[in-house]
Protein backbone atom coordinates (compact mmCIF):
# COMPACT_ATOMS: atom_id res chain seq x y z
CA MET A 1 -8.62 0.54 47.46
CA PRO A 2 -7.86 1.76 43.90
CA GLU A 3 -10.71 1.44 41.43
CA HIS A 4 -10.83 -0.70 38.33
CA ILE A 5 -11.26 1.00 34.95
CA SER A 6 -13.71 -0.83 32.72
CA LEU A 7 -13.87 -0.41 28.93
CA ARG A 8 -16.73 -1.65 26.74
CA PHE A 9 -16.49 -1.53 22.95
CA PHE A 10 -19.65 -1.13 20.86
CA THR A 11 -18.78 -2.10 17.32
CA ARG A 12 -20.72 -2.39 14.08
CA TYR A 13 -18.92 -3.29 10.87
CA GLU A 14 -21.57 -2.06 8.40
CA ILE A 15 -21.50 1.50 9.76
CA SER A 16 -17.77 1.59 10.59
CA GLN A 17 -18.47 2.21 14.24
CA ALA A 18 -16.46 1.42 17.33
CA ALA A 19 -17.66 3.48 20.28
CA ILE A 20 -15.99 3.07 23.67
CA PHE A 21 -17.65 3.29 27.08
CA ILE A 22 -15.23 3.85 29.96
CA THR A 23 -16.30 3.47 33.57
CA TYR A 24 -14.33 4.20 36.72
CA GLY A 25 -15.96 4.46 40.12
CA ASN A 26 -19.37 6.00 39.49
CA LYS A 27 -18.26 7.95 36.39
CA ASN A 28 -19.10 7.05 32.79
CA LEU A 29 -17.34 8.39 29.70
CA LEU A 30 -18.67 7.71 26.20
CA ILE A 31 -16.18 8.17 23.38
CA ASP A 32 -17.35 8.68 19.78
CA PRO A 33 -20.94 7.37 19.79
CA GLY A 34 -20.84 7.16 15.99
CA GLN A 35 -23.61 6.57 13.47
CA ARG A 36 -27.35 6.32 13.99
CA ASN A 37 -28.44 2.69 14.22
CA LEU A 38 -32.20 2.24 13.93
CA GLN A 39 -33.84 -1.00 15.03
CA ASN A 40 -37.64 -1.15 14.98
CA GLY A 41 -37.69 2.63 14.63
CA LYS A 42 -35.61 3.16 17.77
CA GLU A 43 -32.03 4.25 18.33
CA ALA A 44 -30.65 0.87 19.41
CA LEU A 45 -27.23 2.05 20.50
CA ILE A 46 -28.72 4.90 22.51
CA ALA A 47 -30.26 2.30 24.81
CA ASP A 48 -26.97 0.41 24.96
CA PHE A 49 -25.09 3.54 25.99
CA ASN A 50 -27.52 4.28 28.85
CA VAL A 51 -27.79 8.00 28.13
CA PRO A 52 -28.80 9.12 31.65
CA SER A 53 -25.57 7.68 33.02
CA ILE A 54 -23.21 9.55 30.67
CA ASP A 55 -21.12 12.09 32.58
CA TYR A 56 -18.88 13.08 29.66
CA LEU A 57 -19.32 12.56 25.93
CA LEU A 58 -15.87 12.74 24.34
CA ILE A 59 -15.72 13.36 20.56
CA THR A 60 -12.43 12.87 18.72
CA HIS A 61 -13.67 14.61 15.55
CA TYR A 62 -16.82 15.59 13.66
CA HIS A 63 -17.12 12.80 11.07
CA GLY A 64 -20.44 10.94 11.02
CA ASP A 65 -19.09 7.54 12.05
CA HIS A 66 -17.79 9.19 15.22
CA ALA A 67 -20.35 11.89 16.01
CA ASN A 68 -23.70 11.41 14.22
CA LEU A 69 -25.40 10.09 17.34
CA LEU A 70 -24.78 13.44 18.99
CA ASP A 71 -28.12 14.74 17.65
CA PRO A 72 -30.38 12.16 19.35
CA ILE A 73 -28.25 12.30 22.50
CA LEU A 74 -28.67 16.07 22.71
CA ASN A 75 -32.40 15.65 22.12
CA ASN A 76 -32.66 13.04 24.85
CA ARG A 77 -34.18 14.77 27.88
CA TYR A 78 -32.31 12.40 30.20
CA PHE A 79 -28.87 13.50 28.98
CA HIS A 80 -27.33 15.90 31.49
CA GLY A 81 -23.67 15.26 30.76
CA LYS A 82 -20.97 17.42 29.21
CA ILE A 83 -19.61 17.21 25.65
CA LEU A 84 -15.87 17.59 25.44
CA CYS A 85 -13.83 18.03 22.26
CA HIS A 86 -11.45 20.39 20.48
CA LYS A 87 -12.90 23.88 20.06
CA ALA A 88 -12.94 23.64 16.23
CA THR A 89 -14.81 20.32 16.46
CA ALA A 90 -17.23 21.88 18.95
CA GLU A 91 -18.02 24.76 16.58
CA ILE A 92 -18.62 22.39 13.68
CA LEU A 93 -20.89 20.15 15.77
CA ARG A 94 -22.87 23.16 16.98
CA ALA A 95 -23.27 24.33 13.38
CA TYR A 96 -24.64 20.93 12.43
CA ASN A 97 -27.00 20.91 15.40
CA ALA A 98 -28.03 24.57 15.17
CA LYS A 99 -31.72 23.67 15.50
CA VAL A 100 -31.18 21.68 18.69
CA ARG A 101 -31.62 23.57 21.92
CA ILE A 102 -28.30 23.09 23.69
CA LYS A 103 -28.07 24.00 27.35
CA PRO A 104 -25.41 26.64 28.12
CA GLY A 105 -22.24 25.00 29.38
CA THR A 106 -22.96 21.65 27.70
CA PHE A 107 -19.91 21.95 25.42
CA ILE A 108 -16.42 22.11 26.91
CA ASP A 109 -14.13 23.40 24.16
CA LEU A 110 -10.44 22.62 24.53
CA ASP A 111 -7.22 23.56 22.73
CA TYR A 112 -4.55 21.04 21.87
CA GLY A 113 -2.31 20.48 24.88
CA GLN A 114 -4.88 21.86 27.32
CA THR A 115 -5.62 19.64 30.34
CA PHE A 116 -9.13 19.57 31.77
CA PRO A 117 -10.06 17.94 35.14
CA LEU A 118 -13.01 15.55 34.78
CA ASP A 119 -13.15 15.21 38.57
CA ASP A 120 -10.72 14.85 41.46
CA ARG A 121 -9.57 11.45 40.12
CA ALA A 122 -9.22 12.02 36.37
CA ASN A 123 -8.24 14.55 33.73
CA ILE A 124 -8.01 14.65 29.96
CA THR A 125 -5.65 16.30 27.48
CA LEU A 126 -6.19 16.59 23.73
CA PHE A 127 -3.44 16.17 21.15
CA ASN A 128 -3.67 16.67 17.40
CA SER A 129 -4.28 13.41 15.52
CA GLY A 130 -3.71 15.07 12.13
CA HIS A 131 -6.84 13.63 10.49
CA VAL A 132 -9.17 16.60 9.92
CA LEU A 133 -9.65 20.08 11.35
CA GLY A 134 -9.85 19.74 15.15
CA SER A 135 -9.33 15.96 15.26
CA ALA A 136 -7.83 14.78 18.52
CA MET A 137 -6.12 11.96 20.36
CA LEU A 138 -7.48 11.59 23.90
CA TYR A 139 -4.94 11.32 26.72
CA LEU A 140 -6.69 10.22 29.91
CA GLN A 141 -5.21 10.05 33.38
CA ILE A 142 -7.51 8.15 35.72
CA ASN A 143 -6.15 7.69 39.23
CA ASP A 144 -2.66 6.29 38.59
CA LYS A 145 -3.46 4.94 35.12
CA ARG A 146 -2.72 6.57 31.76
CA LEU A 147 -4.63 5.83 28.55
CA LEU A 148 -4.09 7.18 25.03
CA ILE A 149 -6.89 6.76 22.49
CA SER A 150 -5.70 7.53 18.97
CA GLY A 151 -9.05 8.24 17.28
CA ASP A 152 -8.69 8.46 13.50
CA MET A 153 -5.12 9.35 12.60
CA GLY A 154 -4.06 11.41 9.59
CA ALA A 155 -2.26 10.01 6.58
CA GLN A 156 1.27 11.02 5.73
CA TYR A 157 1.59 14.10 3.49
CA LEU A 158 -2.12 14.91 3.80
CA PRO A 159 -2.05 18.47 2.44
CA LEU A 160 -4.83 19.98 4.54
CA VAL A 161 -4.15 19.83 8.28
CA GLN A 162 -1.04 19.67 10.42
CA PRO A 163 0.43 16.19 11.01
CA PRO A 164 -0.18 14.33 14.30
CA ASP A 165 1.52 15.67 17.42
CA LYS A 166 4.85 14.04 18.18
CA LYS A 167 5.39 15.68 21.56
CA LEU A 168 3.29 13.58 23.91
CA PRO A 169 3.74 12.97 27.66
CA THR A 170 6.57 10.49 28.17
CA GLU A 171 5.19 8.76 31.28
CA PRO A 172 4.47 5.04 30.73
CA LEU A 173 1.11 4.29 29.10
CA ASP A 174 -0.98 1.61 30.78
CA LEU A 175 -3.11 1.29 27.67
CA LEU A 176 -2.86 2.49 24.07
CA ILE A 177 -6.01 2.11 21.94
CA ILE A 178 -5.29 2.34 18.21
CA ASP A 179 -8.05 2.91 15.68
CA GLY A 180 -6.82 0.96 12.67
CA LYS A 181 -9.44 1.91 10.10
CA ASN A 182 -8.13 1.15 6.57
CA ALA A 183 -4.94 -0.36 7.96
CA ASN A 184 -5.58 -3.49 5.90
CA HIS A 185 -3.88 -2.03 2.82
CA VAL A 186 -0.78 -0.14 1.70
CA ARG A 187 -1.45 2.94 -0.42
CA ASN A 188 0.11 2.83 -3.87
CA TRP A 189 0.18 6.60 -4.46
CA ASP A 190 2.04 9.36 -2.70
CA LEU A 191 0.28 12.56 -1.64
CA GLN A 192 3.60 14.37 -1.51
CA LYS A 193 3.96 13.85 -5.26
CA ASN A 194 0.23 14.06 -6.01
CA PRO A 195 -1.40 16.71 -3.78
CA TYR A 196 -5.18 16.79 -3.68
CA GLY A 197 -5.32 20.04 -5.63
CA GLU A 198 -3.68 18.32 -8.58
CA ILE A 199 -5.81 15.19 -8.23
CA LEU A 200 -8.93 17.35 -8.40
CA TYR A 201 -7.48 19.31 -11.33
CA GLN A 202 -6.89 16.12 -13.32
CA LYS A 203 -10.45 14.94 -12.68
CA LEU A 204 -11.99 18.28 -13.67
CA ALA A 205 -9.68 18.64 -16.67
CA GLU A 206 -10.94 15.30 -18.00
CA CYS A 207 -14.43 16.81 -17.95
CA PHE A 208 -13.94 20.43 -19.05
CA LEU A 209 -11.03 20.42 -21.47
CA TYR A 210 -12.82 18.30 -24.06
CA ASP A 211 -16.47 19.27 -23.59
CA GLU A 212 -18.55 22.42 -23.40
CA GLY A 213 -20.95 21.00 -20.82
CA ASN A 214 -21.33 21.19 -17.04
CA VAL A 215 -19.98 19.10 -14.20
CA LEU A 216 -22.21 18.14 -11.28
CA MET A 217 -20.51 17.18 -8.00
CA TYR A 218 -22.03 15.51 -4.98
CA VAL A 219 -19.90 16.40 -1.97
CA PRO A 220 -20.72 15.54 1.67
CA MET A 221 -21.25 18.76 3.60
CA ILE A 222 -18.12 18.59 5.70
CA GLN A 223 -15.98 17.98 2.60
CA ILE A 224 -16.97 21.30 0.99
CA PRO A 225 -14.43 23.55 2.81
CA PRO A 226 -11.39 21.41 1.85
CA LEU A 227 -12.83 21.06 -1.66
CA ILE A 228 -12.85 24.83 -2.01
CA TYR A 229 -9.25 24.95 -0.81
CA CYS A 230 -8.41 22.61 -3.68
CA LEU A 231 -10.36 24.73 -6.16
CA ASN A 232 -8.55 27.78 -4.81
CA TYR A 233 -5.28 26.04 -5.62
CA ILE A 234 -6.46 25.36 -9.18
CA PHE A 235 -7.66 28.91 -9.85
CA HIS A 236 -4.49 30.48 -8.47
CA THR A 237 -2.02 28.27 -10.35
CA PRO A 238 -0.81 30.08 -13.52
CA GLU A 239 0.06 26.87 -15.37
CA TYR A 240 -3.65 25.97 -15.36
CA HIS A 241 -4.62 29.19 -17.15
CA ASP A 242 -6.10 27.39 -20.18
CA PHE A 243 -8.27 25.39 -17.83
CA HIS A 244 -9.44 28.55 -16.02
CA THR A 245 -11.01 29.84 -19.21
CA LYS A 246 -13.00 26.63 -19.61
CA ILE A 247 -14.98 27.11 -16.38
CA GLU A 248 -17.38 30.03 -16.32
CA ARG A 249 -18.76 29.66 -12.80
CA VAL A 250 -18.54 27.47 -9.70
CA PHE A 251 -21.92 27.25 -7.97
CA ILE A 252 -22.25 25.94 -4.42
CA ASP A 253 -25.74 25.13 -3.19
CA PRO A 254 -25.91 26.67 0.33
CA GLU A 255 -28.02 23.78 1.62
CA LYS A 256 -29.50 24.00 5.14
CA SER A 257 -27.56 27.22 5.81
CA VAL A 258 -24.70 25.10 7.14
CA VAL A 259 -22.18 25.53 4.33
CA LYS A 260 -21.33 29.18 5.02
CA PRO A 261 -20.90 28.68 8.80
CA LEU A 262 -18.58 25.74 8.06
CA LEU A 263 -16.48 27.89 5.76
CA GLU A 264 -16.25 30.59 8.44
CA ILE A 265 -15.09 27.99 10.97
CA PHE A 266 -12.34 26.79 8.63
CA LYS A 267 -11.24 30.41 8.15
CA ARG A 268 -11.23 31.03 11.92
CA TYR A 269 -9.04 28.01 12.59
CA HIS A 270 -6.66 28.77 9.76
CA ASP A 271 -3.71 28.17 12.14
CA LEU A 272 -4.56 24.45 12.34
CA LEU A 273 -3.96 23.96 8.62
CA ASP A 274 -0.59 22.63 7.53
CA GLN A 275 1.84 25.51 6.98
CA ASN A 276 4.24 23.24 5.07
CA GLU A 277 1.72 22.51 2.32
CA ARG A 278 1.20 26.06 1.05
CA GLU A 279 3.03 25.22 -2.16
CA TYR A 280 0.24 22.73 -2.91
CA ILE A 281 -2.82 24.50 -1.56
CA PRO A 282 -2.30 28.16 -0.61
CA TYR A 283 -4.45 28.86 2.46
CA TRP A 284 -5.11 32.52 1.75
CA SER A 285 -7.64 34.46 3.75
CA ASN A 286 -9.74 34.98 0.61
CA CYS A 287 -9.55 31.35 -0.46
CA PHE A 288 -13.33 30.89 -0.25
CA HIS A 289 -13.97 33.85 -2.52
CA PHE A 290 -12.14 33.31 -5.81
CA LYS A 291 -13.87 35.29 -8.54
CA LYS A 292 -15.80 32.46 -10.17
CA LEU A 293 -17.34 31.16 -6.93
CA GLU A 294 -21.02 31.83 -6.23
CA PHE A 295 -23.24 30.60 -3.41
CA ALA A 296 -26.44 30.12 -5.37
CA ASN A 297 -28.88 27.53 -6.63
CA PRO A 298 -29.40 28.40 -10.32
CA LYS A 299 -31.18 26.40 -12.97
CA ILE A 300 -28.61 24.43 -14.90
CA GLU A 301 -29.96 25.39 -18.31
CA THR A 302 -28.93 28.99 -17.60
CA ARG A 303 -25.26 28.02 -17.65
CA THR A 304 -22.77 25.97 -19.61
CA ARG A 305 -19.21 25.12 -18.62
CA SER A 306 -20.09 25.46 -14.96
CA LEU A 307 -19.32 23.37 -11.89
CA PHE A 308 -22.33 22.66 -9.66
CA ILE A 309 -21.65 21.44 -6.10
CA THR A 310 -24.24 20.22 -3.62
CA ALA A 311 -24.48 18.13 -0.46
CA ASN A 312 -28.23 17.73 -0.83
CA HIS A 313 -29.54 14.47 -2.34
CA ASP A 314 -32.75 16.05 -3.64
CA GLN A 315 -30.93 18.99 -5.23
CA PHE A 316 -28.45 16.60 -6.82
CA ALA A 317 -31.30 14.53 -8.28
CA GLU A 318 -32.96 17.67 -9.66
CA TRP A 319 -29.77 18.84 -11.35
CA PHE A 320 -28.99 15.29 -12.50
CA GLU A 321 -32.34 15.06 -14.27
CA GLU A 322 -31.60 18.28 -16.17
CA LEU A 323 -28.11 17.11 -17.19
CA ARG A 324 -28.52 13.43 -17.87
CA THR A 325 -29.46 13.49 -21.57
CA SER A 326 -26.30 15.29 -22.79
CA GLU A 327 -23.03 13.50 -23.46
CA LYS A 328 -21.21 16.76 -22.76
CA ASN A 329 -22.10 16.69 -19.07
CA ASP A 330 -20.33 14.79 -16.31
CA VAL A 331 -20.94 13.75 -12.73
CA LEU A 332 -18.00 13.76 -10.31
CA LEU A 333 -18.66 11.95 -7.05
CA LEU A 334 -16.50 12.47 -4.00
CA TYR A 335 -16.05 8.84 -2.91
CA GLN A 336 -19.81 8.12 -2.88
CA LYS A 337 -21.56 5.74 -5.27
CA ILE A 338 -24.28 7.07 -7.58
CA THR A 339 -26.77 4.52 -6.19
CA HIS A 340 -26.31 6.04 -2.72
CA VAL A 341 -26.55 9.63 -3.93
CA LEU A 342 -29.65 9.21 -6.11
CA LYS A 343 -31.33 6.85 -3.63
CA GLY A 344 -35.01 6.52 -4.61
CA LYS A 345 -34.45 8.26 -7.96
CA ILE A 346 -31.99 5.75 -9.35
CA ASN A 347 -34.47 5.15 -12.20
CA LEU A 348 -33.11 8.40 -13.73
CA ILE A 349 -30.27 6.26 -15.03
CA ASP A 350 -32.17 4.85 -18.01
CA GLU A 351 -31.74 4.55 -21.79
CA LYS A 352 -31.92 8.36 -22.12
CA CYS A 353 -29.09 8.89 -19.66
CA LYS A 354 -25.85 9.77 -21.42
CA ILE A 355 -24.06 11.45 -18.53
CA ARG A 356 -20.64 10.13 -17.53
CA PHE A 357 -19.62 9.25 -13.98
CA LYS A 358 -16.25 9.79 -12.32
CA ARG A 359 -15.12 9.36 -8.74
CA MET A 360 -12.33 10.72 -6.58
CA PRO A 361 -11.28 10.02 -2.97
CA PHE A 362 -12.42 11.96 0.07
CA LEU A 363 -10.37 15.02 0.95
CA HIS A 364 -9.01 13.28 4.01
CA LEU A 365 -7.33 9.91 4.44
CA HIS A 366 -6.59 7.40 7.17
CA PRO A 367 -3.03 6.07 7.49
CA ASP A 368 -2.37 2.85 5.67
CA GLN A 369 -0.71 -0.13 7.32
CA LYS A 370 2.82 1.14 6.72
CA GLU A 371 2.10 4.65 8.04
CA LEU A 372 0.23 3.44 11.12
CA LYS A 373 2.99 1.01 11.99
CA HIS A 374 5.57 3.80 11.61
CA TRP A 375 3.55 6.06 13.94
CA TYR A 376 3.25 3.31 16.52
CA LYS A 377 6.96 2.44 16.43
CA SER A 378 8.00 6.08 16.76
CA LEU A 379 5.65 6.43 19.75
CA GLN A 380 7.04 3.27 21.28
CA GLN A 381 10.58 4.67 21.09
CA HIS A 382 9.71 7.58 23.38
CA ILE A 383 6.97 6.21 25.62
CA PRO A 384 6.89 2.87 27.47
CA ILE A 385 3.60 1.13 26.55
CA LYS A 386 2.32 -1.68 28.76
CA LYS A 387 -0.66 -2.87 26.71
CA VAL A 388 -2.13 -2.15 23.28
CA LEU A 389 -5.63 -2.66 21.96
CA PHE A 390 -5.93 -2.49 18.20
CA TYR A 391 -9.31 -2.45 16.45
CA HIS A 392 -10.36 -1.94 12.87
CA TYR A 393 -13.34 -2.02 10.52
CA ASP A 394 -12.93 -5.17 8.48
CA ASN A 395 -13.72 -8.85 8.84
CA LYS A 396 -11.75 -11.28 10.97
CA LYS A 397 -9.70 -12.66 8.08
CA GLU A 398 -8.34 -9.24 7.19
CA GLY A 399 -8.05 -8.46 10.90
CA ASN A 400 -5.77 -11.45 11.35
CA GLU A 401 -3.61 -10.26 8.46
CA ILE A 402 -3.28 -6.83 10.07
CA HIS A 403 -2.50 -8.48 13.38
CA LYS A 404 0.38 -10.40 11.81
CA ALA A 405 1.93 -7.13 10.64
CA PHE A 406 1.68 -5.63 14.14
CA LYS A 407 2.10 -8.87 16.12
CA PRO A 408 5.63 -8.24 17.43
CA HIS A 409 4.36 -5.09 19.13
CA LEU A 410 0.78 -5.86 20.20
CA SER A 411 -0.30 -7.59 23.38
CA GLU A 412 -4.00 -7.80 22.47
CA SER A 413 -6.21 -6.90 19.51
CA ILE A 414 -9.89 -6.15 19.17
CA TYR A 415 -11.46 -7.32 15.93
CA LEU A 416 -14.62 -5.99 14.40
CA ALA A 417 -16.70 -8.73 12.78
CA HIS A 418 -19.79 -8.29 10.61
CA ASP A 419 -22.20 -8.73 13.49
CA TYR A 420 -22.80 -6.50 16.49
CA GLN A 421 -20.36 -7.09 19.32
CA ASN A 422 -20.02 -5.82 22.85
CA LYS A 423 -16.47 -6.35 24.02
CA ASN A 424 -15.22 -5.71 27.52
CA PHE A 425 -11.75 -4.98 28.80
CA LEU A 426 -10.64 -4.29 32.36
CA ILE A 427 -7.60 -2.36 33.55
CA GLN A 428 -6.67 -3.85 36.88
CA ALA A 429 -5.91 -1.54 39.76
CA ASN A 430 -2.44 -1.73 41.30
């Protein structure tokens, strides 16, 4: 008799997490374990996932809300499963976990379009989701059932990676699972008209064109390679020549020896970057080595008119303390809030602090409501879809509003409330 396929959703609103546990027969697949969730000093979700039972850990991409639990899972002596993801994602995850002893053969690195047999009943194929380097949709065939899990999709006109794959298998889908993060809004600016290189230029120009000071940036580690692509665009655009003369040096703090390996990975997978966006951000082979770029950790007082970039909270606080008393200096935060970045040293913002704060968005985006709906409708035109599960990272009120927009097309939705939930869904056998 054919087996049922069981899906359990582990969702936490406050850490933007929605992991999926799929069971068929005696096999267990865990998709995107997500962030670390400590309760009483223990990894709560690790216990929920039942690490010894995991046969395959499937990672759609390397972002923390999808893959941060990989570290404790790898360190768990009871984990004997395999980790399966795109080869670029695998390299990035290995760079992040360089100090963890990983058994040979633990990672299974796949290309887009490559099919891998999980066992004699199931296989998986990865397709580009267009979100970040190596991000993937998961196409699962289990017995006679077909599932497509979107993972995080890419936004339209995102000028860094290639757009999502349009050529997918045309056999009917028994289940489509859509990750609707940020689908509760419609973006009011167009990346095609305002590429990230120009957005960054405008932010830096506000700082450097009128002052002789420095700019300190806090940038999450994984955002540094695309940030340098944007800086490359700025320093190779002739019309910004006056601005070029304002910046003496760009210093990147090579924290934890991870930054340089990440840059090498981005260079190696150059073919995954969007060829159509070269007019905005030229992906040249020397893009990480424009003349003013230095991988060093200098004392700020030795420089003026310099850009200091770090992903290290302690280093940021040290530089911040040296800069904070001058009105000429600025802090530019990539999406993060200063309270999060300074953490226990927030008292540095006192009556002596004259530094100015600016923010800009992450160098990747999720599709807004309009873009996600367009992607779904275009998919629906080519592939018969029997059932759809749609989940997101907002409260029920906003979830209901999203559901109204998609209602003509959705058979069932999964909402993520503020409290921990464990939702179950069963695909019936024929």
